[in-house]
Every structure is written in C-alpha cells, then in structure tokens.
PDB file of N, CA and C in Angstrom:
ATOM      1  N   MET A   1     -31.968   8.197  -2.525  1.00  0.00           N
ATOM      2  CA  MET A   1     -31.316   8.850  -1.415  1.00  0.00           C
ATOM      3  C   MET A   1     -30.594  10.088  -1.902  1.00  0.00           C
ATOM      4  N   SER A   2     -30.570  11.063  -1.059  1.00  0.00           N
ATOM      5  CA  SER A   2     -29.904  12.310  -1.414  1.00  0.00           C
ATOM      6  C   SER A   2     -28.395  12.139  -1.356  1.00  0.00           C
ATOM      7  N   GLN A   3     -27.718  12.621  -2.376  1.00  0.00           N
ATOM      8  CA  GLN A   3     -26.270  12.515  -2.433  1.00  0.00           C
ATOM      9  C   GLN A   3     -25.603  13.537  -1.510  1.00  0.00           C
ATOM     10  N   THR A   4     -26.349  14.526  -1.023  1.00  0.00           N
ATOM     11  CA  THR A   4     -25.767  15.568  -0.188  1.00  0.00           C
ATOM     12  C   THR A   4     -25.637  15.137   1.268  1.00  0.00           C
ATOM     13  N   THR A   5     -26.326  14.074   1.663  1.00  0.00           N
ATOM     14  CA  THR A   5     -26.234  13.612   3.038  1.00  0.00           C
ATOM     15  C   THR A   5     -25.226  12.475   3.133  1.00  0.00           C
ATOM     16  N   THR A   6     -24.623  12.340   4.301  1.00  0.00           N
ATOM     17  CA  THR A   6     -23.686  11.254   4.531  1.00  0.00           C
ATOM     18  C   THR A   6     -24.477   9.979   4.785  1.00  0.00           C
ATOM     19  N   MET A   7     -24.126   8.933   4.045  1.00  0.00           N
ATOM     20  CA  MET A   7     -24.832   7.664   4.191  1.00  0.00           C
ATOM     21  C   MET A   7     -24.157   6.826   5.272  1.00  0.00           C
ATOM     22  N   THR A   8     -24.965   6.247   6.157  1.00  0.00           N
ATOM     23  CA  THR A   8     -24.434   5.336   7.159  1.00  0.00           C
ATOM     24  C   THR A   8     -24.236   3.971   6.511  1.00  0.00           C
ATOM     25  N   GLN A   9     -23.547   3.089   7.199  1.00  0.00           N
ATOM     26  CA  GLN A   9     -23.354   1.738   6.671  1.00  0.00           C
ATOM     27  C   GLN A   9     -24.692   1.043   6.464  1.00  0.00           C
ATOM     28  N   GLU A  10     -25.639   1.295   7.348  1.00  0.00           N
ATOM     29  CA  GLU A  10     -26.963   0.697   7.208  1.00  0.00           C
ATOM     30  C   GLU A  10     -27.664   1.228   5.960  1.00  0.00           C
ATOM     31  N   ASP A  11     -27.523   2.537   5.708  1.00  0.00           N
ATOM     32  CA  ASP A  11     -28.116   3.141   4.512  1.00  0.00           C
ATOM     33  C   ASP A  11     -27.519   2.538   3.248  1.00  0.00           C
ATOM     34  N   ILE A  12     -26.205   2.377   3.259  1.00  0.00           N
ATOM     35  CA  ILE A  12     -25.519   1.825   2.091  1.00  0.00           C
ATOM     36  C   ILE A  12     -25.976   0.393   1.856  1.00  0.00           C
ATOM     37  N   GLN A  13     -26.036  -0.417   2.925  1.00  0.00           N
ATOM     38  CA  GLN A  13     -26.462  -1.809   2.782  1.00  0.00           C
ATOM     39  C   GLN A  13     -27.904  -1.888   2.299  1.00  0.00           C
ATOM     40  N   GLN A  14     -28.752  -1.005   2.781  1.00  0.00           N
ATOM     41  CA  GLN A  14     -30.149  -0.970   2.359  1.00  0.00           C
ATOM     42  C   GLN A  14     -30.246  -0.639   0.869  1.00  0.00           C
ATOM     43  N   GLU A  15     -29.439   0.305   0.411  1.00  0.00           N
ATOM     44  CA  GLU A  15     -29.415   0.678  -1.002  1.00  0.00           C
ATOM     45  C   GLU A  15     -28.918  -0.496  -1.854  1.00  0.00           C
ATOM     46  N   ILE A  16     -27.901  -1.208  -1.378  1.00  0.00           N
ATOM     47  CA  ILE A  16     -27.392  -2.387  -2.087  1.00  0.00           C
ATOM     48  C   ILE A  16     -28.495  -3.436  -2.208  1.00  0.00           C
ATOM     49  N   ASP A  17     -29.203  -3.694  -1.113  1.00  0.00           N
ATOM     50  CA  ASP A  17     -30.285  -4.679  -1.127  1.00  0.00           C
ATOM     51  C   ASP A  17     -31.391  -4.280  -2.097  1.00  0.00           C
ATOM     52  N   THR A  18     -31.719  -2.990  -2.133  1.00  0.00           N
ATOM     53  CA  THR A  18     -32.737  -2.488  -3.054  1.00  0.00           C
ATOM     54  C   THR A  18     -32.302  -2.698  -4.499  1.00  0.00           C
ATOM     55  N   LEU A  19     -31.046  -2.392  -4.786  1.00  0.00           N
ATOM     56  CA  LEU A  19     -30.531  -2.567  -6.142  1.00  0.00           C
ATOM     57  C   LEU A  19     -30.485  -4.044  -6.529  1.00  0.00           C
ATOM     58  N   LYS A  20     -30.075  -4.906  -5.608  1.00  0.00           N
ATOM     59  CA  LYS A  20     -30.021  -6.341  -5.902  1.00  0.00           C
ATOM     60  C   LYS A  20     -31.405  -6.893  -6.225  1.00  0.00           C
ATOM     61  N   ALA A  21     -32.430  -6.350  -5.591  1.00  0.00           N
ATOM     62  CA  ALA A  21     -33.800  -6.791  -5.858  1.00  0.00           C
ATOM     63  C   ALA A  21     -34.246  -6.415  -7.268  1.00  0.00           C
ATOM     64  N   GLN A  22     -33.573  -5.436  -7.884  1.00  0.00           N
ATOM     65  CA  GLN A  22     -33.924  -4.983  -9.227  1.00  0.00           C
ATOM     66  C   GLN A  22     -33.228  -5.778 -10.328  1.00  0.00           C
ATOM     67  N   LEU A  23     -32.291  -6.656  -9.967  1.00  0.00           N
ATOM     68  CA  LEU A  23     -31.556  -7.418 -10.969  1.00  0.00           C
ATOM     69  C   LEU A  23     -32.491  -8.373 -11.703  1.00  0.00           C
ATOM     70  N   SER A  24     -32.328  -8.442 -13.027  1.00  0.00           N
ATOM     71  CA  SER A  24     -33.214  -9.266 -13.851  1.00  0.00           C
ATOM     72  C   SER A  24     -32.590 -10.598 -14.246  1.00  0.00           C
ATOM     73  N   GLY A  25     -31.273 -10.727 -14.101  1.00  0.00           N
ATOM     74  CA  GLY A  25     -30.595 -11.933 -14.549  1.00  0.00           C
ATOM     75  C   GLY A  25     -30.001 -11.786 -15.939  1.00  0.00           C
ATOM     76  N   ASP A  26     -30.348 -10.708 -16.638  1.00  0.00           N
ATOM     77  CA  ASP A  26     -29.784 -10.412 -17.955  1.00  0.00           C
ATOM     78  C   ASP A  26     -28.542  -9.553 -17.742  1.00  0.00           C
ATOM     79  N   MET A  27     -27.386 -10.107 -18.086  1.00  0.00           N
ATOM     80  CA  MET A  27     -26.119  -9.435 -17.807  1.00  0.00           C
ATOM     81  C   MET A  27     -26.073  -8.024 -18.387  1.00  0.00           C
ATOM     82  N   PHE A  28     -26.549  -7.858 -19.607  1.00  0.00           N
ATOM     83  CA  PHE A  28     -26.453  -6.558 -20.263  1.00  0.00           C
ATOM     84  C   PHE A  28     -27.422  -5.545 -19.663  1.00  0.00           C
ATOM     85  N   LYS A  29     -28.618  -5.987 -19.308  1.00  0.00           N
ATOM     86  CA  LYS A  29     -29.588  -5.082 -18.684  1.00  0.00           C
ATOM     87  C   LYS A  29     -29.164  -4.710 -17.263  1.00  0.00           C
ATOM     88  N   ASP A  30     -28.480  -5.636 -16.604  1.00  0.00           N
ATOM     89  CA  ASP A  30     -28.101  -5.436 -15.202  1.00  0.00           C
ATOM     90  C   ASP A  30     -26.767  -4.722 -15.024  1.00  0.00           C
ATOM     91  N   MET A  31     -26.070  -4.446 -16.108  1.00  0.00           N
ATOM     92  CA  MET A  31     -24.714  -3.906 -16.013  1.00  0.00           C
ATOM     93  C   MET A  31     -24.648  -2.613 -15.192  1.00  0.00           C
ATOM     94  N   GLU A  32     -25.541  -1.688 -15.439  1.00  0.00           N
ATOM     95  CA  GLU A  32     -25.518  -0.410 -14.714  1.00  0.00           C
ATOM     96  C   GLU A  32     -25.846  -0.616 -13.234  1.00  0.00           C
ATOM     97  N   ILE A  33     -26.830  -1.471 -12.958  1.00  0.00           N
ATOM     98  CA  ILE A  33     -27.202  -1.746 -11.568  1.00  0.00           C
ATOM     99  C   ILE A  33     -26.045  -2.423 -10.844  1.00  0.00           C
ATOM    100  N   ARG A  34     -25.403  -3.378 -11.500  1.00  0.00           N
ATOM    101  CA  ARG A  34     -24.262  -4.070 -10.886  1.00  0.00           C
ATOM    102  C   ARG A  34     -23.106  -3.104 -10.621  1.00  0.00           C
ATOM    103  N   ASP A  35     -22.923  -2.136 -11.504  1.00  0.00           N
ATOM    104  CA  ASP A  35     -21.881  -1.127 -11.294  1.00  0.00           C
ATOM    105  C   ASP A  35     -22.201  -0.291 -10.055  1.00  0.00           C
ATOM    106  N   GLN A  36     -23.467   0.086  -9.900  1.00  0.00           N
ATOM    107  CA  GLN A  36     -23.873   0.856  -8.722  1.00  0.00           C
ATOM    108  C   GLN A  36     -23.668   0.034  -7.450  1.00  0.00           C
ATOM    109  N   ILE A  37     -24.030  -1.251  -7.509  1.00  0.00           N
ATOM    110  CA  ILE A  37     -23.841  -2.137  -6.356  1.00  0.00           C
ATOM    111  C   ILE A  37     -22.359  -2.227  -6.006  1.00  0.00           C
ATOM    112  N   HIS A  38     -21.532  -2.414  -7.023  1.00  0.00           N
ATOM    113  CA  HIS A  38     -20.083  -2.523  -6.810  1.00  0.00           C
ATOM    114  C   HIS A  38     -19.527  -1.257  -6.148  1.00  0.00           C
ATOM    115  N   ASN A  39     -19.930  -0.097  -6.649  1.00  0.00           N
ATOM    116  CA  ASN A  39     -19.448   1.165  -6.079  1.00  0.00           C
ATOM    117  C   ASN A  39     -19.891   1.330  -4.628  1.00  0.00           C
ATOM    118  N   LEU A  40     -21.129   0.953  -4.331  1.00  0.00           N
ATOM    119  CA  LEU A  40     -21.618   1.051  -2.953  1.00  0.00           C
ATOM    120  C   LEU A  40     -20.888   0.066  -2.040  1.00  0.00           C
ATOM    121  N   GLU A  41     -20.616  -1.149  -2.542  1.00  0.00           N
ATOM    122  CA  GLU A  41     -19.888  -2.129  -1.738  1.00  0.00           C
ATOM    123  C   GLU A  41     -18.465  -1.657  -1.458  1.00  0.00           C
ATOM    124  N   MET A  42     -17.843  -1.001  -2.433  1.00  0.00           N
ATOM    125  CA  MET A  42     -16.506  -0.452  -2.208  1.00  0.00           C
ATOM    126  C   MET A  42     -16.557   0.619  -1.124  1.00  0.00           C
ATOM    127  N   LYS A  43     -17.583   1.461  -1.163  1.00  0.00           N
ATOM    128  CA  LYS A  43     -17.739   2.507  -0.151  1.00  0.00           C
ATOM    129  C   LYS A  43     -18.001   1.874   1.218  1.00  0.00           C
ATOM    130  N   LEU A  44     -18.829   0.835   1.246  1.00  0.00           N
ATOM    131  CA  LEU A  44     -19.184   0.159   2.489  1.00  0.00           C
ATOM    132  C   LEU A  44     -17.962  -0.464   3.157  1.00  0.00           C
ATOM    133  N   HIS A  45     -17.063  -1.031   2.351  1.00  0.00           N
ATOM    134  CA  HIS A  45     -15.893  -1.731   2.879  1.00  0.00           C
ATOM    135  C   HIS A  45     -14.639  -0.863   2.911  1.00  0.00           C
ATOM    136  N   GLY A  46     -14.763   0.409   2.534  1.00  0.00           N
ATOM    137  CA  GLY A  46     -13.627   1.324   2.596  1.00  0.00           C
ATOM    138  C   GLY A  46     -12.537   1.027   1.589  1.00  0.00           C
ATOM    139  N   VAL A  47     -12.921   0.531   0.429  1.00  0.00           N
ATOM    140  CA  VAL A  47     -11.961   0.183  -0.618  1.00  0.00           C
ATOM    141  C   VAL A  47     -11.970   1.284  -1.661  1.00  0.00           C
ATOM    142  N   LYS A  48     -10.777   1.604  -2.183  1.00  0.00           N
ATOM    143  CA  LYS A  48     -10.709   2.582  -3.264  1.00  0.00           C
ATOM    144  C   LYS A  48     -10.239   1.873  -4.530  1.00  0.00           C
ATOM    145  N   PRO A  49     -10.579   2.394  -5.691  1.00  0.00           N
ATOM    146  CA  PRO A  49     -10.149   1.773  -6.946  1.00  0.00           C
ATOM    147  C   PRO A  49      -8.626   1.720  -7.043  1.00  0.00           C
ATOM    148  N   ILE A  50      -8.110   0.688  -7.693  1.00  0.00           N
ATOM    149  CA  ILE A  50      -6.668   0.497  -7.832  1.00  0.00           C
ATOM    150  C   ILE A  50      -6.016   1.697  -8.507  1.00  0.00           C
ATOM    151  N   ASP A  51      -6.640   2.231  -9.540  1.00  0.00           N
ATOM    152  CA  ASP A  51      -6.069   3.332 -10.306  1.00  0.00           C
ATOM    153  C   ASP A  51      -6.276   4.694  -9.651  1.00  0.00           C
ATOM    154  N   SER A  52      -6.906   4.729  -8.495  1.00  0.00           N
ATOM    155  CA  SER A  52      -7.243   5.995  -7.862  1.00  0.00           C
ATOM    156  C   SER A  52      -5.988   6.745  -7.432  1.00  0.00           C
ATOM    157  N   HIS A  53      -5.913   8.006  -7.816  1.00  0.00           N
ATOM    158  CA  HIS A  53      -4.800   8.852  -7.387  1.00  0.00           C
ATOM    159  C   HIS A  53      -5.135   9.597  -6.099  1.00  0.00           C
ATOM    160  N   ILE A  54      -6.354   9.420  -5.625  1.00  0.00           N
ATOM    161  CA  ILE A  54      -6.785  10.074  -4.396  1.00  0.00           C
ATOM    162  C   ILE A  54      -6.352   9.213  -3.215  1.00  0.00           C
ATOM    163  N   ASP A  55      -5.610   9.795  -2.309  1.00  0.00           N
ATOM    164  CA  ASP A  55      -5.120   9.060  -1.152  1.00  0.00           C
ATOM    165  C   ASP A  55      -6.146   9.064  -0.033  1.00  0.00           C
ATOM    166  N   CYS A  56      -6.089   8.037   0.757  1.00  0.00           N
ATOM    167  CA  CYS A  56      -6.941   7.935   1.927  1.00  0.00           C
ATOM    168  C   CYS A  56      -6.438   8.931   2.972  1.00  0.00           C
ATOM    169  N   VAL A  57      -7.321   9.743   3.498  1.00  0.00           N
ATOM    170  CA  VAL A  57      -6.939  10.744   4.486  1.00  0.00           C
ATOM    171  C   VAL A  57      -6.532  10.071   5.794  1.00  0.00           C
ATOM    172  N   GLY A  58      -7.243   9.008   6.160  1.00  0.00           N
ATOM    173  CA  GLY A  58      -6.990   8.359   7.440  1.00  0.00           C
ATOM    174  C   GLY A  58      -5.679   7.610   7.515  1.00  0.00           C
ATOM    175  N   CYS A  59      -5.381   6.835   6.473  1.00  0.00           N
ATOM    176  CA  CYS A  59      -4.194   5.975   6.558  1.00  0.00           C
ATOM    177  C   CYS A  59      -3.099   6.352   5.571  1.00  0.00           C
ATOM    178  N   GLY A  60      -3.389   7.219   4.618  1.00  0.00           N
ATOM    179  CA  GLY A  60      -2.383   7.657   3.665  1.00  0.00           C
ATOM    180  C   GLY A  60      -2.108   6.676   2.546  1.00  0.00           C
ATOM    181  N   SER A  61      -2.938   5.636   2.432  1.00  0.00           N
ATOM    182  CA  SER A  61      -2.703   4.650   1.369  1.00  0.00           C
ATOM    183  C   SER A  61      -3.114   5.172   0.017  1.00  0.00           C
TER     184      SER A  61
END
C-alpha cells in the first residue's frame, strides 16, 4: 500500500490480516512482521506510544 494515501480502518485491518498470514511461528523470523502488525494495530485503535512526545491533536493527550 502506498504510504502517501490515508488508510481507512478496513485498509489497516486488511494489511494486518495479510501480515498475520505471513507469520511462520519462528519468533526471530517473525519479529519484523510482528512489529509492523503492532504498529498498524496501534494506528487502528488510535493508541500512541507511551514515550511519544507528540500530542494528540483531537484530545490533547
């Protein structure tokens, strides 16, 4: 998917499902894929990293 376009929740979920299908069960081989899944899930649920200094525009958190 192009990073220049805004992803809808459906697009994000589809990307997560695609990445999950690529998991091999080997923790070390899957580490990068799991990181991508985690980042997409955070975006899907509107969560920001704990250490993030970037504030949410909508709620100011």
